Amino acid sequence: MSGLLCALESPSPVGLIRASGQLSFTTSVELRAVLHKALAEQPEGIAVDVSGLSVDDDLALTVFSGFASSAADWSACPVVLFAPNPAIAEALDRLAINRTVPVYRSQAAARAAISEAPPVRRYRRRLSATSAAAAIARELVAEACQAWAQPDLVDDAEIVVTELVANGVRHAGGDLRLAVTRGRRFLHLSVRDGSPVVPVAKLPDPDGGQGGRGLILIDALAASWGSTPTSDGKVVWATLRLR
């Protein structure tokens, strides 16, 4: 057994995670995966219950500050902790983690802080898996870029979102959920679908197959991209650096 239990108990509007047991550099990988799963649900904020957490090395707690920085860059999603025991609270203060990840006494206080934070800047659209989906996605991306004073990003963002949507239409079927989010340093594009199959970038097939070619284009244009499992499938996402 790993000694760490962590689970996403409520995905939205606030992602509630409960973490208990022994946090170490090894088990922090599990915690980070749950944190990213919560972020993929596109919440208004993420609150982590650390009341049952202990550490064998205080530096393992930097998993929270590292994740909070990523969440801010990608989507400006606030991340907070609540109900630490005295030893954890002291370590969070000594390592200055509480300067970037606010810490509260209770879940109610954590939720209140998230509700008072500036709202996440995000455009959403549900898309039918049809040939028209990509054009609708491009329109939404262009609208978002113009609203956020990022006109130079429109062309690349439209190409990337076209490939994300096309991948979902081709492989997942069913409705897609598109989100365009402005973070601190990046524009974050994501398409959620009902298939758990992880996309893989592939070189062009000499026999004419198309699968995976669009992901190579995304890889060339995006600062980063990837896939995160969700409760009902996955989110395929890409980030582009703001200009």
Foldseek 3Di string as FASTA:
>chain_A
DLQKDKAQPDQPLETEMEIAGEQELVCLVVVLLRLVQSVQSVHLAYEYECQRYDYPDLVSVCSQLVVLVVSQQEWNHAYEYEQHDPVNVVSCVVVVVCVSHPYYHDPVVVVVVSVPDPGTAKDKDKAALDPCRLVVQLVVLCVSCVVVVQNVCSVLVSLLSSLQSPLCSVPAHGMKMWMWTHHPWKIKIKIDGQAQDWADADDQDPVGDDGRPSVVSLVVAFPDWGWRAYPRHIMTMTIHTGD
